[in-house]
Amino acid sequence: MTEFEYRGVGGMMCRAGDFKKLFPERDPDCNKYDFGIAVLLGGCREYSGAVKLANLSLSALKSGCGISRLAVVDRIADYVAPYLLESTLTPLSSLCEEELSRAFAGAASVGIGMGFGRSSDRIAAVEYAVSTLECPLLIDADGLWALSRIEYESRGNVVITPHLGEFRRLYGDVDAEDSVKAAVEYAGEYNVTVLLKGRITTVTDGRRVLFVDRGCPGMATAGSGDVLSGVITGINAQSGEDLCLNAACGAFICGAAAEYAQRRTGQVSLTASDTVSEIYKAVREIQNT
């Protein structure tokens, strides 16, 4: 890492070698349970986004978790199932606490909110996850909308991944130039890790500030945020010791993978699926440093 200042805040710029310890050499006798179950809860009837949800789940596997479990309400399960190969699918009859407990059983990490929709039961689901889960919990997209509507206390296990507009909903109105300072303040006050997306992505737990500058214009496409959520949740499943570093690693992997993909597709035609297909190159870049 090298010292770096962005929008008036000093921190450290991350490079590939800074994440190498997150991907240690694996024992020849290892099995999938050694690398954690990543549970991803998202989707709704209006925004089933079957392909996006499949990309979300696959990105968790490609970042190294042992099992990726995609939990969706049962009325969209049949739409999603054909797009899943290695991931498991858990249909939920509702988002009641009993069903959520079943979805989260055995989880080493959880991601919630992607394509989730906005309704009272979604708010209740996010509140239940924040109040009960002890494993790392990532909240994104509509999950951030739900989070903005509850009072919550974090155990330090929550990672939020907003873009500036979503962050304003949580923090209040803030200019882009002051957004990094605001992210540090919010992370410290609520005991969460904030990943603020941007050309230079900021990751902070209120004490440390990490920056990631990997990425490309082709990432401005639907589903890129879902891939990031899947990658971070997959990394968290393997180790929840340093969520700030994990989140920065996720941003690095997605940015680097998109760069590799854009070399094939060009800026205009890049899709989230293209980024997923190149995740292995980004992970290999980290491991080979």
Protein backbone atom coordinates (compact mmCIF):
# COMPACT_ATOMS: atom_id res chain seq x y z
CA MET A 1 0.00 0.00 0.00
CA THR A 2 1.12 3.56 -0.66
CA GLU A 3 -0.02 6.77 0.95
CA PHE A 4 -2.71 8.53 -1.03
CA GLU A 5 -5.04 11.48 -0.50
CA TYR A 6 -8.43 11.75 -2.14
CA ARG A 7 -10.97 14.52 -1.67
CA GLY A 8 -9.15 15.85 1.35
CA VAL A 9 -8.79 12.54 3.18
CA GLY A 10 -5.54 10.65 3.58
CA GLY A 11 -5.42 6.89 3.31
CA MET A 12 -3.67 4.05 1.56
CA MET A 13 -3.91 3.09 -2.11
CA CYS A 14 -4.18 -0.68 -2.49
CA ARG A 15 -2.25 -2.83 -4.94
CA ALA A 16 -2.56 -6.50 -5.84
CA GLY A 17 0.02 -7.71 -3.34
CA ASP A 18 -1.87 -6.18 -0.44
CA PHE A 19 -4.55 -8.88 -0.79
CA LYS A 20 -2.34 -11.93 -1.26
CA LYS A 21 -2.84 -13.13 2.32
CA LEU A 22 -6.57 -13.47 1.64
CA PHE A 23 -5.89 -16.29 -0.83
CA PRO A 24 -3.37 -18.62 0.84
CA GLU A 25 -2.23 -21.88 -0.72
CA ARG A 26 -4.88 -24.55 -0.17
CA ASP A 27 -4.23 -27.85 1.53
CA PRO A 28 -4.49 -30.83 -0.85
CA ASP A 29 -6.99 -32.44 1.54
CA CYS A 30 -9.32 -29.42 1.65
CA ASN A 31 -13.02 -29.59 0.87
CA LYS A 32 -15.73 -27.07 0.05
CA TYR A 33 -16.78 -26.65 3.68
CA ASP A 34 -13.32 -25.32 4.52
CA PHE A 35 -14.06 -22.16 2.53
CA GLY A 36 -17.47 -21.22 3.86
CA ILE A 37 -21.07 -20.97 2.76
CA ALA A 38 -21.95 -17.61 1.22
CA VAL A 39 -25.69 -16.88 1.34
CA LEU A 40 -27.11 -14.29 -1.04
CA LEU A 41 -30.65 -13.06 -0.52
CA GLY A 42 -32.21 -10.94 -3.24
CA GLY A 43 -34.68 -10.69 -6.09
CA CYS A 44 -38.39 -10.04 -6.19
CA ARG A 45 -41.21 -10.59 -8.68
CA GLU A 46 -40.81 -7.14 -10.24
CA TYR A 47 -37.02 -7.37 -10.41
CA SER A 48 -36.30 -11.07 -10.67
CA GLY A 49 -33.18 -10.32 -12.74
CA ALA A 50 -32.48 -14.03 -13.13
CA VAL A 51 -29.23 -13.55 -15.01
CA LYS A 52 -28.06 -10.83 -12.62
CA LEU A 53 -28.83 -13.05 -9.62
CA ALA A 54 -26.95 -15.91 -11.24
CA ASN A 55 -23.96 -13.62 -11.83
CA LEU A 56 -24.18 -12.51 -8.20
CA SER A 57 -24.03 -16.08 -6.98
CA LEU A 58 -21.36 -17.23 -9.43
CA SER A 59 -19.10 -14.30 -8.54
CA ALA A 60 -19.10 -15.48 -4.92
CA LEU A 61 -17.86 -18.89 -6.04
CA LYS A 62 -15.24 -17.43 -8.36
CA SER A 63 -13.84 -15.41 -5.47
CA GLY A 64 -13.24 -18.63 -3.57
CA CYS A 65 -16.06 -19.51 -1.20
CA GLY A 66 -16.92 -23.20 -0.93
CA ILE A 67 -20.67 -22.99 -1.43
CA SER A 68 -22.84 -20.20 -2.80
CA ARG A 69 -26.48 -20.40 -1.72
CA LEU A 70 -28.90 -18.10 -3.53
CA ALA A 71 -32.10 -17.51 -1.55
CA VAL A 72 -35.10 -16.04 -3.37
CA VAL A 73 -38.84 -15.94 -2.82
CA ASP A 74 -40.37 -19.05 -4.33
CA ARG A 75 -42.44 -17.22 -6.94
CA ILE A 76 -39.27 -16.33 -8.86
CA ALA A 77 -37.28 -19.49 -8.13
CA ASP A 78 -38.33 -21.15 -11.39
CA TYR A 79 -37.07 -18.15 -13.36
CA VAL A 80 -33.68 -18.19 -11.68
CA ALA A 81 -33.02 -21.93 -11.54
CA PRO A 82 -32.12 -22.42 -15.24
CA TYR A 83 -29.29 -19.90 -14.93
CA LEU A 84 -27.64 -21.59 -11.94
CA LEU A 85 -25.06 -24.31 -12.43
CA GLU A 86 -22.69 -24.62 -9.48
CA SER A 87 -24.71 -22.52 -7.02
CA THR A 88 -27.48 -23.91 -4.83
CA LEU A 89 -30.98 -22.41 -4.78
CA THR A 90 -33.15 -21.99 -1.69
CA PRO A 91 -36.75 -20.92 -2.44
CA LEU A 92 -38.48 -19.11 0.42
CA SER A 93 -42.24 -19.18 0.91
CA SER A 94 -42.01 -15.72 2.51
CA LEU A 95 -39.55 -13.43 4.25
CA CYS A 96 -40.77 -14.33 7.73
CA GLU A 97 -38.17 -14.91 10.44
CA GLU A 98 -38.55 -18.69 10.27
CA GLU A 99 -37.79 -18.76 6.54
CA LEU A 100 -34.92 -16.29 6.87
CA SER A 101 -33.41 -18.40 9.64
CA ARG A 102 -33.56 -21.40 7.31
CA ALA A 103 -31.90 -19.44 4.51
CA PHE A 104 -29.08 -18.21 6.77
CA ALA A 105 -28.42 -21.58 8.47
CA GLY A 106 -24.72 -22.43 8.42
CA ALA A 107 -23.74 -19.22 6.65
CA ALA A 108 -20.18 -17.99 6.95
CA SER A 109 -21.27 -14.75 5.29
CA VAL A 110 -24.45 -13.18 3.98
CA GLY A 111 -25.24 -10.62 1.28
CA ILE A 112 -28.69 -9.06 1.14
CA GLY A 113 -30.65 -6.55 -0.90
CA MET A 114 -29.69 -7.02 -4.55
CA GLY A 115 -32.78 -6.72 -6.76
CA PHE A 116 -34.77 -7.06 -3.55
CA GLY A 117 -37.55 -4.56 -4.14
CA ARG A 118 -38.95 -2.09 -1.65
CA SER A 119 -41.68 -3.12 0.74
CA SER A 120 -42.32 -3.55 4.44
CA ASP A 121 -41.28 -7.22 4.46
CA ARG A 122 -37.96 -6.25 2.85
CA ILE A 123 -37.37 -3.71 5.60
CA ALA A 124 -38.18 -6.38 8.21
CA ALA A 125 -35.80 -8.85 6.52
CA VAL A 126 -32.90 -6.41 6.63
CA GLU A 127 -33.68 -5.53 10.24
CA TYR A 128 -33.73 -9.22 11.15
CA ALA A 129 -30.40 -9.82 9.41
CA VAL A 130 -28.69 -6.88 11.11
CA SER A 131 -30.04 -7.74 14.54
CA THR A 132 -29.40 -11.50 14.51
CA LEU A 133 -26.48 -12.41 12.26
CA GLU A 134 -23.02 -12.64 13.75
CA CYS A 135 -21.23 -13.55 10.52
CA PRO A 136 -20.18 -10.84 8.03
CA LEU A 137 -23.23 -9.19 6.47
CA LEU A 138 -23.07 -7.21 3.23
CA ILE A 139 -25.96 -4.87 2.40
CA ASP A 140 -26.40 -3.35 -1.05
CA ALA A 141 -28.97 -1.89 -3.44
CA ASP A 142 -32.55 -2.12 -2.12
CA GLY A 143 -31.12 -3.43 1.13
CA LEU A 144 -29.59 0.02 1.64
CA TRP A 145 -33.00 1.58 1.08
CA ALA A 146 -34.37 -0.70 3.81
CA LEU A 147 -31.44 0.10 6.10
CA SER A 148 -32.17 3.80 5.79
CA ARG A 149 -35.61 3.17 7.27
CA ILE A 150 -34.58 1.46 10.48
CA GLU A 151 -32.64 2.29 13.61
CA TYR A 152 -29.85 -0.22 13.94
CA GLU A 153 -26.77 -1.16 15.91
CA SER A 154 -23.94 -3.01 14.21
CA ARG A 155 -21.62 -5.48 15.91
CA GLY A 156 -18.93 -4.43 13.47
CA ASN A 157 -19.90 -7.21 11.07
CA VAL A 158 -21.78 -5.06 8.51
CA VAL A 159 -20.42 -3.95 5.14
CA ILE A 160 -22.41 -1.48 3.05
CA THR A 161 -21.60 -0.81 -0.61
CA PRO A 162 -23.42 2.33 -1.76
CA HIS A 163 -22.85 4.62 -4.68
CA LEU A 164 -23.10 8.31 -3.80
CA GLY A 165 -26.87 8.52 -4.29
CA GLU A 166 -27.49 5.55 -2.01
CA PHE A 167 -25.07 6.91 0.54
CA ARG A 168 -26.93 10.22 0.66
CA ARG A 169 -30.07 8.33 1.61
CA LEU A 170 -28.24 6.99 4.67
CA TYR A 171 -26.09 9.96 5.61
CA GLY A 172 -27.99 12.97 4.32
CA ASP A 173 -27.17 15.44 1.59
CA VAL A 174 -23.44 15.64 0.94
CA ASP A 175 -21.42 17.04 -1.94
CA ALA A 176 -19.26 14.64 -3.89
CA GLU A 177 -16.13 16.49 -2.76
CA ASP A 178 -17.03 15.86 0.87
CA SER A 179 -18.22 12.28 0.37
CA VAL A 180 -15.03 10.57 1.56
CA LYS A 181 -15.03 12.52 4.83
CA ALA A 182 -18.71 11.68 5.25
CA ALA A 183 -18.07 7.97 4.62
CA VAL A 184 -15.39 7.91 7.32
CA GLU A 185 -17.73 9.69 9.72
CA TYR A 186 -20.66 7.35 9.02
CA ALA A 187 -18.51 4.23 9.34
CA GLY A 188 -17.22 5.36 12.72
CA GLU A 189 -20.60 6.38 14.06
CA TYR A 190 -22.43 3.19 13.02
CA ASN A 191 -19.53 0.73 13.44
CA VAL A 192 -19.79 -0.49 9.84
CA THR A 193 -17.46 -0.82 6.89
CA VAL A 194 -18.42 1.54 4.07
CA LEU A 195 -17.42 0.90 0.47
CA LEU A 196 -18.26 4.06 -1.44
CA LYS A 197 -18.23 3.29 -5.15
CA GLY A 198 -16.63 5.67 -7.60
CA ARG A 199 -13.84 6.16 -10.10
CA ILE A 200 -11.65 5.83 -7.05
CA THR A 201 -13.45 3.58 -4.59
CA THR A 202 -13.18 4.41 -0.89
CA VAL A 203 -13.34 1.72 1.79
CA THR A 204 -13.33 2.70 5.44
CA ASP A 205 -14.22 1.31 8.85
CA GLY A 206 -13.96 4.76 10.43
CA ARG A 207 -10.33 4.25 11.41
CA ARG A 208 -8.58 3.10 8.27
CA VAL A 209 -9.20 4.47 4.79
CA LEU A 210 -8.32 2.31 1.78
CA PHE A 211 -8.54 3.39 -1.83
CA VAL A 212 -8.86 1.27 -4.99
CA ASP A 213 -8.34 2.74 -8.45
CA ARG A 214 -8.90 -0.33 -10.62
CA GLY A 215 -11.82 -0.32 -13.04
CA CYS A 216 -12.94 1.03 -16.40
CA PRO A 217 -15.83 2.89 -18.10
CA GLY A 218 -17.37 -0.38 -19.29
CA MET A 219 -18.39 -1.11 -15.71
CA ALA A 220 -21.20 1.44 -16.09
CA THR A 221 -23.68 -1.31 -16.89
CA ALA A 222 -26.49 -3.14 -15.11
CA GLY A 223 -25.32 -5.86 -12.77
CA SER A 224 -21.81 -4.57 -12.00
CA GLY A 225 -22.82 -3.83 -8.41
CA ASP A 226 -24.30 -7.32 -8.04
CA VAL A 227 -21.00 -8.85 -9.10
CA LEU A 228 -19.18 -6.75 -6.50
CA SER A 229 -21.63 -7.85 -3.80
CA GLY A 230 -21.10 -11.49 -4.72
CA VAL A 231 -17.32 -11.20 -4.74
CA ILE A 232 -17.15 -9.51 -1.32
CA THR A 233 -19.60 -11.98 0.20
CA GLY A 234 -17.50 -14.82 -1.19
CA ILE A 235 -14.32 -13.38 0.30
CA ASN A 236 -16.05 -12.78 3.64
CA ALA A 237 -17.11 -16.44 3.72
CA GLN A 238 -13.45 -17.48 3.75
CA SER A 239 -12.33 -15.05 6.44
CA GLY A 240 -14.23 -12.43 8.40
CA GLU A 241 -11.24 -11.11 10.30
CA ASP A 242 -10.71 -7.89 8.31
CA LEU A 243 -13.86 -6.72 6.54
CA CYS A 244 -12.26 -3.46 5.47
CA LEU A 245 -9.49 -5.29 3.61
CA ASN A 246 -11.99 -7.84 2.25
CA ALA A 247 -14.18 -5.10 0.80
CA ALA A 248 -11.21 -3.35 -0.77
CA CYS A 249 -10.12 -6.68 -2.23
CA GLY A 250 -13.57 -7.14 -3.75
CA ALA A 251 -13.37 -3.72 -5.37
CA PHE A 252 -9.90 -4.53 -6.71
CA ILE A 253 -10.98 -7.89 -8.14
CA CYS A 254 -14.06 -6.49 -9.86
CA GLY A 255 -12.17 -3.50 -11.24
CA ALA A 256 -9.31 -5.63 -12.53
CA ALA A 257 -11.66 -8.27 -13.96
CA ALA A 258 -13.61 -5.58 -15.80
CA GLU A 259 -10.37 -4.20 -17.23
CA TYR A 260 -9.49 -7.64 -18.57
CA ALA A 261 -13.00 -8.03 -19.99
CA GLN A 262 -13.02 -4.60 -21.60
CA ARG A 263 -9.91 -5.51 -23.57
CA ARG A 264 -12.04 -8.19 -25.27
CA THR A 265 -15.36 -6.42 -25.58
CA GLY A 266 -14.60 -2.71 -25.70
CA GLN A 267 -16.25 -0.15 -23.46
CA VAL A 268 -19.68 -0.18 -25.05
CA SER A 269 -20.38 -3.92 -25.10
CA LEU A 270 -19.04 -4.91 -21.68
CA THR A 271 -21.61 -6.69 -19.51
CA ALA A 272 -21.54 -7.90 -15.93
CA SER A 273 -21.27 -11.47 -17.20
CA ASP A 274 -18.07 -10.50 -19.02
CA THR A 275 -16.63 -9.25 -15.74
CA VAL A 276 -17.59 -12.48 -13.96
CA SER A 277 -15.80 -14.52 -16.62
CA GLU A 278 -12.54 -12.67 -15.91
CA ILE A 279 -12.58 -12.81 -12.10
CA TYR A 280 -10.12 -15.67 -12.15
CA LYS A 281 -7.55 -13.46 -13.86
CA ALA A 282 -7.90 -10.79 -11.18
CA VAL A 283 -7.52 -13.39 -8.40
CA ARG A 284 -4.51 -14.86 -10.19
CA GLU A 285 -2.98 -11.37 -10.45
CA ILE A 286 -3.20 -11.11 -6.66
CA GLN A 287 -1.79 -14.58 -6.07
CA ASN A 288 1.12 -14.09 -8.47
CA THR A 289 2.43 -10.90 -6.85
